[in-house]
Amino acid sequence: MKRIAVIGGTGMKQLVADADLGNSGYSISATDSLVAQTDYGDVPLEIMTLNASSESSGVKIFIVHRHHGDGKTTPPHLINYHANVKAAQACNPDVIVSIQSVGAIDPHFPPGIVGMAEHTLDFVSMPVTFSEEDAHHADMTHHYPSDLRDLLRPVLSAQSDEELTLDHVVSHVNGPQFETPAEIEAFARLGATAASMTISP
């Protein structure tokens, strides 16, 4: 059975509750929840088990709610990214997928369209590695795997009859406030096509 970990934002809870798999060939056979205990803190998880109507094996999806908190929504600048990543990793997934809502900068990336991050411009400087005691320099040249993006490309292309720009440069900005017009113009001049408060770690 394939195992997929999904790190999602504030809309994921409703997405799970209203899951409609349509004609995908899968049906939800079980749902569960648990708390993953990591060295960085506890993280609540939701688990969906999908059965396939064909001979292909089922899928187990582990959903990490990025903004989890004690009865509240954690603002972007206070999210415990290390705990979320470790919780997703503890599910022993075949792949980890992270989903964010972004603000579009490029007019060819209209609202309601799904794209993929190819590169980031990081203006937040949050720690993005787990090297706290010994220096380790992570290679960020291609930090979003091209092979995984190539798998997603035909699915995302089916969103529209028109040709879509699917690969984006996302500017990571510090929430919870939205960007100023001057900041958006500066990001665009630097090559950003979208902005997000949660994209980089």
N, C-alpha and C. Protein backbone atom coordinates (compact mmCIF):
# COMPACT_ATOMS: atom_id res chain seq x y z
N MET A 1 0.84 -1.19 0.00
CA MET A 1 0.00 0.00 0.00
C MET A 1 0.88 1.24 0.00
N LYS A 2 0.62 2.15 -0.94
CA LYS A 2 1.37 3.40 -1.01
C LYS A 2 1.05 4.27 0.21
N ARG A 3 2.06 5.02 0.65
CA ARG A 3 1.90 5.90 1.80
C ARG A 3 2.31 7.31 1.37
N ILE A 4 1.40 8.26 1.57
CA ILE A 4 1.65 9.65 1.19
C ILE A 4 1.42 10.54 2.41
N ALA A 5 2.39 11.38 2.72
CA ALA A 5 2.22 12.37 3.78
C ALA A 5 1.94 13.72 3.12
N VAL A 6 0.92 14.41 3.61
CA VAL A 6 0.54 15.71 3.07
C VAL A 6 0.59 16.74 4.20
N ILE A 7 1.41 17.77 4.00
CA ILE A 7 1.43 18.89 4.94
C ILE A 7 0.57 19.98 4.33
N GLY A 8 -0.51 20.33 5.01
CA GLY A 8 -1.46 21.27 4.42
C GLY A 8 -1.78 22.42 5.34
N GLY A 9 -2.47 23.40 4.79
CA GLY A 9 -2.79 24.61 5.52
C GLY A 9 -4.17 24.60 6.14
N THR A 10 -4.72 25.79 6.34
CA THR A 10 -5.96 25.94 7.10
C THR A 10 -7.16 25.31 6.41
N GLY A 11 -7.12 25.14 5.10
CA GLY A 11 -8.25 24.57 4.39
C GLY A 11 -8.28 23.06 4.35
N MET A 12 -7.22 22.42 4.85
CA MET A 12 -7.14 20.97 4.73
C MET A 12 -8.16 20.23 5.58
N LYS A 13 -8.49 20.75 6.75
CA LYS A 13 -9.47 20.07 7.60
C LYS A 13 -10.81 19.93 6.89
N GLN A 14 -11.25 21.01 6.24
CA GLN A 14 -12.52 20.95 5.52
C GLN A 14 -12.41 20.06 4.30
N LEU A 15 -11.24 20.08 3.66
CA LEU A 15 -11.02 19.23 2.49
C LEU A 15 -11.14 17.76 2.85
N VAL A 16 -10.61 17.41 4.01
CA VAL A 16 -10.70 16.02 4.47
C VAL A 16 -12.15 15.69 4.81
N ALA A 17 -12.82 16.61 5.50
CA ALA A 17 -14.20 16.35 5.91
C ALA A 17 -15.13 16.19 4.71
N ASP A 18 -14.86 16.94 3.65
CA ASP A 18 -15.75 16.93 2.48
C ASP A 18 -15.17 16.14 1.31
N ALA A 19 -14.23 15.25 1.60
CA ALA A 19 -13.53 14.53 0.52
C ALA A 19 -14.52 13.83 -0.41
N ASP A 20 -14.42 14.16 -1.68
CA ASP A 20 -15.24 13.53 -2.72
C ASP A 20 -14.28 13.03 -3.78
N LEU A 21 -14.11 11.72 -3.85
CA LEU A 21 -13.13 11.15 -4.76
C LEU A 21 -13.68 10.93 -6.16
N GLY A 22 -14.96 11.22 -6.35
CA GLY A 22 -15.57 11.18 -7.68
C GLY A 22 -15.30 9.89 -8.42
N ASN A 23 -14.80 10.03 -9.65
CA ASN A 23 -14.51 8.88 -10.50
C ASN A 23 -13.03 8.51 -10.47
N SER A 24 -12.38 8.74 -9.34
CA SER A 24 -10.94 8.48 -9.24
C SER A 24 -10.61 7.00 -9.19
N GLY A 25 -11.61 6.17 -8.90
CA GLY A 25 -11.34 4.75 -8.73
C GLY A 25 -10.97 4.37 -7.31
N TYR A 26 -11.05 5.35 -6.40
CA TYR A 26 -10.74 5.10 -4.99
C TYR A 26 -11.96 5.43 -4.13
N SER A 27 -12.04 4.78 -3.00
CA SER A 27 -13.07 5.09 -2.01
C SER A 27 -12.43 5.09 -0.63
N ILE A 28 -12.97 5.93 0.26
CA ILE A 28 -12.44 6.01 1.62
C ILE A 28 -12.95 4.82 2.41
N SER A 29 -12.02 4.01 2.90
CA SER A 29 -12.42 2.84 3.67
C SER A 29 -12.27 3.05 5.17
N ALA A 30 -11.43 4.00 5.57
CA ALA A 30 -11.23 4.25 7.00
C ALA A 30 -10.62 5.62 7.22
N THR A 31 -10.96 6.23 8.35
CA THR A 31 -10.32 7.48 8.77
C THR A 31 -9.95 7.33 10.24
N ASP A 32 -8.88 7.98 10.62
CA ASP A 32 -8.41 7.88 11.99
C ASP A 32 -7.61 9.13 12.31
N SER A 33 -7.29 9.31 13.56
CA SER A 33 -6.44 10.43 13.97
C SER A 33 -5.52 9.97 15.08
N LEU A 34 -4.37 10.60 15.15
CA LEU A 34 -3.41 10.29 16.20
C LEU A 34 -2.52 11.50 16.41
N VAL A 35 -1.68 11.42 17.43
CA VAL A 35 -0.73 12.50 17.71
C VAL A 35 0.67 11.93 17.57
N ALA A 36 1.46 12.52 16.68
CA ALA A 36 2.85 12.11 16.51
C ALA A 36 3.71 12.88 17.50
N GLN A 37 4.49 12.16 18.27
CA GLN A 37 5.38 12.79 19.24
C GLN A 37 6.77 12.91 18.61
N THR A 38 7.24 14.14 18.45
CA THR A 38 8.56 14.37 17.86
C THR A 38 9.44 15.09 18.87
N ASP A 39 10.74 15.16 18.58
CA ASP A 39 11.66 15.89 19.45
C ASP A 39 11.37 17.39 19.46
N TYR A 40 10.56 17.85 18.52
CA TYR A 40 10.26 19.28 18.40
C TYR A 40 8.86 19.62 18.90
N GLY A 41 8.11 18.61 19.33
CA GLY A 41 6.76 18.84 19.82
C GLY A 41 5.77 17.85 19.23
N ASP A 42 4.57 17.84 19.80
CA ASP A 42 3.52 16.92 19.35
C ASP A 42 2.78 17.52 18.15
N VAL A 43 2.41 16.63 17.23
CA VAL A 43 1.72 17.06 16.01
C VAL A 43 0.52 16.15 15.76
N PRO A 44 -0.70 16.72 15.70
CA PRO A 44 -1.87 15.89 15.38
C PRO A 44 -1.88 15.52 13.90
N LEU A 45 -2.25 14.28 13.63
CA LEU A 45 -2.33 13.76 12.26
C LEU A 45 -3.72 13.21 12.01
N GLU A 46 -4.17 13.32 10.78
CA GLU A 46 -5.36 12.61 10.34
C GLU A 46 -4.93 11.60 9.29
N ILE A 47 -5.56 10.43 9.31
CA ILE A 47 -5.18 9.36 8.40
C ILE A 47 -6.40 8.93 7.60
N MET A 48 -6.23 8.87 6.29
CA MET A 48 -7.29 8.37 5.40
C MET A 48 -6.75 7.15 4.68
N THR A 49 -7.51 6.07 4.72
CA THR A 49 -7.15 4.87 3.96
C THR A 49 -8.09 4.78 2.77
N LEU A 50 -7.51 4.71 1.58
CA LEU A 50 -8.28 4.64 0.35
C LEU A 50 -8.14 3.26 -0.27
N ASN A 51 -9.26 2.68 -0.63
CA ASN A 51 -9.26 1.41 -1.35
C ASN A 51 -9.43 1.67 -2.83
N ALA A 52 -8.74 0.88 -3.64
CA ALA A 52 -8.83 1.03 -5.09
C ALA A 52 -9.87 0.06 -5.63
N SER A 53 -10.65 0.53 -6.60
CA SER A 53 -11.66 -0.34 -7.21
C SER A 53 -11.03 -1.28 -8.24
N SER A 54 -9.82 -0.96 -8.68
CA SER A 54 -9.12 -1.81 -9.65
C SER A 54 -8.16 -2.72 -8.91
N GLU A 55 -7.27 -3.34 -9.65
CA GLU A 55 -6.31 -4.26 -9.04
C GLU A 55 -5.16 -3.52 -8.37
N SER A 56 -5.06 -2.21 -8.59
CA SER A 56 -3.97 -1.46 -7.96
C SER A 56 -4.18 -1.42 -6.45
N SER A 57 -3.07 -1.27 -5.74
CA SER A 57 -3.15 -1.28 -4.29
C SER A 57 -3.76 0.02 -3.78
N GLY A 58 -4.19 0.01 -2.53
CA GLY A 58 -4.78 1.18 -1.93
C GLY A 58 -3.72 2.20 -1.55
N VAL A 59 -4.18 3.27 -0.92
CA VAL A 59 -3.30 4.37 -0.52
C VAL A 59 -3.64 4.78 0.91
N LYS A 60 -2.61 5.00 1.70
CA LYS A 60 -2.81 5.55 3.05
C LYS A 60 -2.24 6.96 3.04
N ILE A 61 -3.09 7.93 3.38
CA ILE A 61 -2.69 9.34 3.35
C ILE A 61 -2.64 9.87 4.78
N PHE A 62 -1.49 10.42 5.14
CA PHE A 62 -1.28 11.02 6.46
C PHE A 62 -1.30 12.53 6.29
N ILE A 63 -2.21 13.20 6.98
CA ILE A 63 -2.39 14.64 6.79
C ILE A 63 -1.91 15.39 8.04
N VAL A 64 -0.91 16.23 7.83
CA VAL A 64 -0.38 17.09 8.89
C VAL A 64 -0.96 18.48 8.68
N HIS A 65 -1.66 18.99 9.68
CA HIS A 65 -2.21 20.34 9.59
C HIS A 65 -1.15 21.33 10.07
N ARG A 66 -0.62 22.09 9.14
CA ARG A 66 0.51 22.97 9.40
C ARG A 66 0.24 23.95 10.54
N HIS A 67 -0.96 24.47 10.63
CA HIS A 67 -1.30 25.52 11.59
C HIS A 67 -1.90 24.96 12.88
N HIS A 68 -1.63 23.70 13.19
CA HIS A 68 -2.25 23.10 14.37
C HIS A 68 -1.88 23.88 15.63
N GLY A 69 -2.82 23.92 16.55
CA GLY A 69 -2.60 24.59 17.82
C GLY A 69 -3.64 24.12 18.82
N ASP A 70 -3.52 24.55 20.05
CA ASP A 70 -4.47 24.16 21.09
C ASP A 70 -5.78 24.94 20.91
N GLY A 71 -6.64 24.45 20.04
CA GLY A 71 -7.93 25.08 19.82
C GLY A 71 -7.86 26.37 19.03
N LYS A 72 -6.72 26.62 18.40
CA LYS A 72 -6.59 27.86 17.62
C LYS A 72 -5.75 27.57 16.38
N THR A 73 -5.69 28.55 15.50
CA THR A 73 -4.88 28.45 14.29
C THR A 73 -3.57 29.18 14.51
N THR A 74 -2.46 28.46 14.45
CA THR A 74 -1.15 29.07 14.67
C THR A 74 -0.79 29.99 13.51
N PRO A 75 -0.42 31.25 13.78
CA PRO A 75 -0.06 32.15 12.68
C PRO A 75 1.23 31.70 11.99
N PRO A 76 1.41 32.10 10.73
CA PRO A 76 2.52 31.58 9.93
C PRO A 76 3.90 31.73 10.56
N HIS A 77 4.16 32.87 11.20
CA HIS A 77 5.51 33.11 11.73
C HIS A 77 5.79 32.31 13.00
N LEU A 78 4.78 31.62 13.55
CA LEU A 78 4.98 30.82 14.76
C LEU A 78 4.82 29.32 14.52
N ILE A 79 4.66 28.92 13.27
CA ILE A 79 4.47 27.50 12.95
C ILE A 79 5.73 26.71 13.30
N ASN A 80 5.52 25.54 13.88
CA ASN A 80 6.62 24.66 14.25
C ASN A 80 6.95 23.75 13.06
N TYR A 81 7.68 24.30 12.10
CA TYR A 81 7.98 23.57 10.87
C TYR A 81 8.78 22.29 11.13
N HIS A 82 9.72 22.36 12.05
CA HIS A 82 10.53 21.18 12.34
C HIS A 82 9.67 20.03 12.83
N ALA A 83 8.74 20.31 13.73
CA ALA A 83 7.86 19.25 14.24
C ALA A 83 6.98 18.70 13.13
N ASN A 84 6.46 19.56 12.27
CA ASN A 84 5.60 19.10 11.18
C ASN A 84 6.35 18.18 10.22
N VAL A 85 7.56 18.57 9.86
CA VAL A 85 8.36 17.74 8.94
C VAL A 85 8.71 16.41 9.59
N LYS A 86 9.11 16.44 10.84
CA LYS A 86 9.45 15.19 11.53
C LYS A 86 8.23 14.28 11.68
N ALA A 87 7.06 14.87 11.92
CA ALA A 87 5.84 14.06 12.02
C ALA A 87 5.51 13.41 10.69
N ALA A 88 5.64 14.17 9.61
CA ALA A 88 5.40 13.61 8.27
C ALA A 88 6.40 12.50 7.97
N GLN A 89 7.65 12.73 8.32
CA GLN A 89 8.69 11.74 8.08
C GLN A 89 8.45 10.47 8.88
N ALA A 90 7.91 10.61 10.10
CA ALA A 90 7.66 9.45 10.96
C ALA A 90 6.59 8.53 10.41
N CYS A 91 5.79 9.01 9.46
CA CYS A 91 4.75 8.17 8.84
C CYS A 91 5.33 7.20 7.83
N ASN A 92 6.66 7.27 7.63
CA ASN A 92 7.34 6.39 6.67
C ASN A 92 6.70 6.46 5.29
N PRO A 93 6.53 7.68 4.76
CA PRO A 93 5.82 7.82 3.48
C PRO A 93 6.73 7.54 2.29
N ASP A 94 6.11 7.20 1.17
CA ASP A 94 6.84 7.10 -0.09
C ASP A 94 7.18 8.49 -0.61
N VAL A 95 6.36 9.46 -0.27
CA VAL A 95 6.58 10.84 -0.69
C VAL A 95 5.88 11.77 0.29
N ILE A 96 6.45 12.97 0.45
CA ILE A 96 5.82 14.02 1.25
C ILE A 96 5.44 15.16 0.30
N VAL A 97 4.18 15.56 0.34
CA VAL A 97 3.68 16.65 -0.50
C VAL A 97 3.24 17.78 0.42
N SER A 98 3.66 18.99 0.10
CA SER A 98 3.27 20.15 0.89
C SER A 98 2.37 21.05 0.04
N ILE A 99 1.24 21.44 0.61
CA ILE A 99 0.26 22.25 -0.11
C ILE A 99 0.12 23.60 0.59
N GLN A 100 0.21 24.68 -0.18
CA GLN A 100 0.07 26.03 0.36
C GLN A 100 -0.91 26.83 -0.48
N SER A 101 -1.55 27.78 0.17
CA SER A 101 -2.25 28.83 -0.56
C SER A 101 -1.24 29.95 -0.78
N VAL A 102 -1.25 30.52 -1.96
CA VAL A 102 -0.31 31.60 -2.26
C VAL A 102 -1.05 32.79 -2.84
N GLY A 103 -0.38 33.91 -2.83
CA GLY A 103 -0.89 35.09 -3.51
C GLY A 103 -0.22 35.20 -4.86
N ALA A 104 -1.01 35.37 -5.91
CA ALA A 104 -0.45 35.44 -7.26
C ALA A 104 0.16 36.81 -7.52
N ILE A 105 1.34 36.81 -8.10
CA ILE A 105 1.99 38.04 -8.56
C ILE A 105 1.93 38.12 -10.08
N ASP A 106 2.19 37.00 -10.73
CA ASP A 106 2.15 36.93 -12.19
C ASP A 106 0.69 36.92 -12.67
N PRO A 107 0.31 37.83 -13.56
CA PRO A 107 -1.07 37.83 -14.06
C PRO A 107 -1.45 36.57 -14.83
N HIS A 108 -0.45 35.79 -15.26
CA HIS A 108 -0.73 34.53 -15.95
C HIS A 108 -0.93 33.38 -14.96
N PHE A 109 -0.98 33.69 -13.68
CA PHE A 109 -1.23 32.69 -12.63
C PHE A 109 -2.49 33.14 -11.89
N PRO A 110 -3.66 32.97 -12.52
CA PRO A 110 -4.90 33.51 -11.95
C PRO A 110 -5.36 32.76 -10.71
N PRO A 111 -6.16 33.39 -9.87
CA PRO A 111 -6.72 32.71 -8.69
C PRO A 111 -7.49 31.46 -9.09
N GLY A 112 -7.38 30.43 -8.25
CA GLY A 112 -8.10 29.18 -8.49
C GLY A 112 -7.31 28.16 -9.28
N ILE A 113 -6.13 28.53 -9.75
CA ILE A 113 -5.29 27.61 -10.51
C ILE A 113 -4.20 27.05 -9.60
N VAL A 114 -3.92 25.76 -9.75
CA VAL A 114 -2.88 25.11 -8.95
C VAL A 114 -1.58 25.11 -9.73
N GLY A 115 -0.49 25.43 -9.05
CA GLY A 115 0.83 25.39 -9.66
C GLY A 115 1.81 24.68 -8.75
N MET A 116 3.08 24.71 -9.13
CA MET A 116 4.12 24.05 -8.34
C MET A 116 5.27 25.02 -8.11
N ALA A 117 5.85 24.96 -6.93
CA ALA A 117 7.03 25.78 -6.65
C ALA A 117 8.24 25.12 -7.31
N GLU A 118 8.94 25.91 -8.10
CA GLU A 118 10.20 25.45 -8.68
C GLU A 118 11.38 25.99 -7.88
N HIS A 119 11.27 27.25 -7.47
CA HIS A 119 12.30 27.90 -6.66
C HIS A 119 11.62 28.83 -5.67
N THR A 120 12.39 29.25 -4.67
CA THR A 120 11.88 30.22 -3.70
C THR A 120 12.84 31.40 -3.58
N LEU A 121 12.28 32.52 -3.18
CA LEU A 121 13.05 33.66 -2.71
C LEU A 121 12.71 33.78 -1.23
N ASP A 122 13.67 33.52 -0.37
CA ASP A 122 13.38 33.45 1.06
C ASP A 122 13.75 34.75 1.75
N PHE A 123 12.73 35.50 2.18
CA PHE A 123 12.94 36.75 2.89
C PHE A 123 12.65 36.61 4.39
N VAL A 124 12.49 35.38 4.85
CA VAL A 124 12.10 35.14 6.24
C VAL A 124 13.27 34.69 7.09
N SER A 125 14.16 33.90 6.52
CA SER A 125 15.36 33.40 7.20
C SER A 125 15.03 32.52 8.40
N MET A 126 13.96 31.72 8.29
CA MET A 126 13.71 30.70 9.30
C MET A 126 14.67 29.54 9.05
N PRO A 127 15.05 28.79 10.10
CA PRO A 127 15.88 27.61 9.88
C PRO A 127 15.12 26.59 9.02
N VAL A 128 15.77 26.10 7.96
CA VAL A 128 15.11 25.14 7.09
C VAL A 128 15.81 23.78 7.10
N THR A 129 16.83 23.64 7.94
CA THR A 129 17.51 22.35 8.07
C THR A 129 17.41 21.90 9.53
N PHE A 130 17.95 20.73 9.80
CA PHE A 130 17.94 20.19 11.16
C PHE A 130 19.36 20.16 11.72
N SER A 131 20.20 21.07 11.26
CA SER A 131 21.60 21.12 11.68
C SER A 131 21.77 22.18 12.75
N GLU A 132 21.42 21.83 13.98
CA GLU A 132 21.50 22.81 15.06
C GLU A 132 22.84 22.79 15.78
N GLU A 133 23.54 21.65 15.74
CA GLU A 133 24.75 21.51 16.54
C GLU A 133 26.02 21.50 15.69
N ASP A 134 25.89 21.14 14.41
CA ASP A 134 27.06 21.08 13.54
C ASP A 134 26.67 21.70 12.20
N ALA A 135 27.53 22.53 11.67
CA ALA A 135 27.21 23.23 10.43
C ALA A 135 27.05 22.25 9.27
N HIS A 136 25.92 22.38 8.59
CA HIS A 136 25.66 21.60 7.37
C HIS A 136 24.96 22.52 6.39
N HIS A 137 25.53 22.65 5.21
CA HIS A 137 25.00 23.59 4.24
C HIS A 137 24.15 22.84 3.22
N ALA A 138 22.84 23.00 3.33
CA ALA A 138 21.91 22.30 2.44
C ALA A 138 21.98 22.90 1.04
N ASP A 139 21.98 22.03 0.04
CA ASP A 139 21.99 22.46 -1.36
C ASP A 139 20.56 22.83 -1.76
N MET A 140 20.33 24.08 -2.05
CA MET A 140 18.99 24.55 -2.41
C MET A 140 18.85 24.78 -3.91
N THR A 141 19.79 24.26 -4.70
CA THR A 141 19.75 24.49 -6.14
C THR A 141 18.47 23.94 -6.76
N HIS A 142 18.13 22.72 -6.38
CA HIS A 142 16.90 22.09 -6.88
C HIS A 142 16.18 21.45 -5.70
N HIS A 143 15.66 22.26 -4.79
CA HIS A 143 15.09 21.70 -3.57
C HIS A 143 13.66 21.22 -3.73
N TYR A 144 13.06 21.42 -4.90
CA TYR A 144 11.77 20.80 -5.21
C TYR A 144 12.03 19.79 -6.32
N PRO A 145 11.98 18.49 -6.02
CA PRO A 145 12.42 17.45 -6.96
C PRO A 145 11.70 17.53 -8.31
N SER A 146 12.48 17.59 -9.37
CA SER A 146 11.90 17.70 -10.72
C SER A 146 11.16 16.43 -11.11
N ASP A 147 11.60 15.27 -10.61
CA ASP A 147 10.91 14.02 -10.97
C ASP A 147 9.50 13.99 -10.39
N LEU A 148 9.33 14.51 -9.17
CA LEU A 148 8.00 14.55 -8.57
C LEU A 148 7.13 15.59 -9.29
N ARG A 149 7.71 16.72 -9.63
CA ARG A 149 6.95 17.74 -10.35
C ARG A 149 6.53 17.23 -11.73
N ASP A 150 7.39 16.42 -12.35
CA ASP A 150 7.04 15.85 -13.66
C ASP A 150 5.86 14.88 -13.54
N LEU A 151 5.75 14.19 -12.40
CA LEU A 151 4.61 13.30 -12.18
C LEU A 151 3.31 14.10 -12.04
N LEU A 152 3.40 15.25 -11.39
CA LEU A 152 2.22 16.07 -11.15
C LEU A 152 1.80 16.90 -12.36
N ARG A 153 2.74 17.16 -13.26
CA ARG A 153 2.49 18.08 -14.36
C ARG A 153 1.27 17.73 -15.21
N PRO A 154 1.11 16.47 -15.69
CA PRO A 154 -0.07 16.18 -16.52
C PRO A 154 -1.39 16.31 -15.76
N VAL A 155 -1.38 16.01 -14.47
CA VAL A 155 -2.60 16.14 -13.66
C VAL A 155 -2.98 17.61 -13.53
N LEU A 156 -1.99 18.44 -13.24
CA LEU A 156 -2.27 19.87 -13.07
C LEU A 156 -2.62 20.54 -14.39
N SER A 157 -2.04 20.05 -15.48
CA SER A 157 -2.34 20.63 -16.79
C SER A 157 -3.80 20.44 -17.17
N ALA A 158 -4.43 19.41 -16.61
CA ALA A 158 -5.82 19.10 -16.94
C ALA A 158 -6.81 20.07 -16.30
N GLN A 159 -6.30 21.03 -15.50
CA GLN A 159 -7.18 22.03 -14.86
C GLN A 159 -7.87 22.92 -15.88
N SER A 160 -7.22 23.09 -17.02
CA SER A 160 -7.71 24.08 -17.98
C SER A 160 -7.45 23.62 -19.40
N ASP A 161 -8.28 24.09 -20.32
CA ASP A 161 -8.06 23.82 -21.74
C ASP A 161 -6.95 24.71 -22.29
N GLU A 162 -6.65 25.77 -21.56
CA GLU A 162 -5.58 26.67 -21.98
C GLU A 162 -4.25 26.21 -21.41
N GLU A 163 -3.17 26.60 -22.07
CA GLU A 163 -1.84 26.24 -21.58
C GLU A 163 -1.54 27.04 -20.32
N LEU A 164 -1.11 26.33 -19.27
CA LEU A 164 -0.88 26.97 -17.98
C LEU A 164 0.61 27.04 -17.67
N THR A 165 1.00 28.08 -16.95
CA THR A 165 2.34 28.14 -16.38
C THR A 165 2.28 27.44 -15.03
N LEU A 166 2.91 26.26 -14.95
CA LEU A 166 2.79 25.45 -13.74
C LEU A 166 3.95 25.65 -12.77
N ASP A 167 5.12 26.01 -13.26
CA ASP A 167 6.30 26.16 -12.41
C ASP A 167 6.45 27.61 -11.98
N HIS A 168 6.60 27.82 -10.67
CA HIS A 168 6.60 29.18 -10.15
C HIS A 168 7.77 29.43 -9.21
N VAL A 169 8.18 30.68 -9.16
CA VAL A 169 9.14 31.16 -8.17
C VAL A 169 8.31 31.83 -7.08
N VAL A 170 8.39 31.30 -5.88
CA VAL A 170 7.54 31.77 -4.79
C VAL A 170 8.37 32.56 -3.77
N SER A 171 7.95 33.76 -3.51
CA SER A 171 8.60 34.59 -2.52
C SER A 171 8.05 34.23 -1.14
N HIS A 172 8.94 33.79 -0.24
CA HIS A 172 8.51 33.45 1.12
C HIS A 172 8.60 34.70 1.98
N VAL A 173 7.45 35.11 2.49
CA VAL A 173 7.36 36.34 3.28
C VAL A 173 6.86 36.03 4.69
N ASN A 174 7.17 36.92 5.60
CA ASN A 174 6.82 36.69 7.00
C ASN A 174 5.40 37.17 7.27
N GLY A 175 4.50 36.24 7.61
CA GLY A 175 3.14 36.64 7.97
C GLY A 175 3.12 37.17 9.38
N PRO A 176 1.93 37.41 9.92
CA PRO A 176 0.65 37.12 9.29
C PRO A 176 0.07 38.27 8.47
N GLN A 177 0.81 39.34 8.26
CA GLN A 177 0.27 40.44 7.46
C GLN A 177 0.49 40.17 5.97
N PHE A 178 -0.38 40.77 5.13
CA PHE A 178 -0.19 40.68 3.69
C PHE A 178 0.89 41.68 3.24
N GLU A 179 1.35 41.51 2.01
CA GLU A 179 2.45 42.31 1.50
C GLU A 179 1.95 43.69 1.06
N THR A 180 2.86 44.64 1.06
CA THR A 180 2.54 45.98 0.55
C THR A 180 2.68 45.97 -0.98
N PRO A 181 2.04 46.92 -1.66
CA PRO A 181 2.21 47.02 -3.12
C PRO A 181 3.68 47.16 -3.53
N ALA A 182 4.46 47.90 -2.73
CA ALA A 182 5.88 48.08 -3.05
C ALA A 182 6.62 46.75 -2.95
N GLU A 183 6.28 45.95 -1.94
CA GLU A 183 6.92 44.64 -1.80
C GLU A 183 6.57 43.74 -2.97
N ILE A 184 5.31 43.73 -3.36
CA ILE A 184 4.89 42.90 -4.49
C ILE A 184 5.63 43.30 -5.76
N GLU A 185 5.76 44.60 -5.98
CA GLU A 185 6.49 45.06 -7.17
C GLU A 185 7.95 44.63 -7.11
N ALA A 186 8.56 44.72 -5.92
CA ALA A 186 9.96 44.31 -5.77
C ALA A 186 10.12 42.81 -6.02
N PHE A 187 9.20 42.01 -5.47
CA PHE A 187 9.27 40.56 -5.68
C PHE A 187 9.16 40.23 -7.16
N ALA A 188 8.25 40.91 -7.86
CA ALA A 188 8.07 40.66 -9.29
C ALA A 188 9.34 41.00 -10.06
N ARG A 189 10.00 42.09 -9.69
CA ARG A 189 11.24 42.47 -10.37
C ARG A 189 12.34 41.45 -10.12
N LEU A 190 12.28 40.76 -8.99
CA LEU A 190 13.27 39.73 -8.68
C LEU A 190 12.92 38.38 -9.30
N GLY A 191 11.76 38.30 -9.95
CA GLY A 191 11.41 37.07 -10.65
C GLY A 191 10.35 36.23 -9.98
N ALA A 192 9.81 36.68 -8.86
CA ALA A 192 8.77 35.90 -8.18
C ALA A 192 7.45 35.98 -8.95
N THR A 193 6.76 34.85 -9.01
CA THR A 193 5.44 34.82 -9.64
C THR A 193 4.33 34.62 -8.62
N ALA A 194 4.70 34.36 -7.36
CA ALA A 194 3.72 34.18 -6.29
C ALA A 194 4.38 34.50 -4.96
N ALA A 195 3.56 34.72 -3.93
CA ALA A 195 4.07 34.98 -2.59
C ALA A 195 3.34 34.08 -1.60
N SER A 196 4.07 33.62 -0.59
CA SER A 196 3.48 32.72 0.40
C SER A 196 4.11 32.98 1.76
N MET A 197 3.32 32.76 2.82
CA MET A 197 3.83 32.89 4.18
C MET A 197 4.37 31.57 4.72
N THR A 198 4.19 30.47 3.98
CA THR A 198 4.53 29.15 4.54
C THR A 198 5.28 28.25 3.57
N ILE A 199 5.86 28.78 2.52
CA ILE A 199 6.40 27.94 1.46
C ILE A 199 7.79 27.37 1.76
N SER A 200 8.64 28.09 2.46
CA SER A 200 10.05 27.74 2.41
C SER A 200 10.48 26.56 3.28
N PRO A 201 10.18 26.55 4.57
CA PRO A 201 10.67 25.41 5.36
C PRO A 201 9.95 24.12 5.01
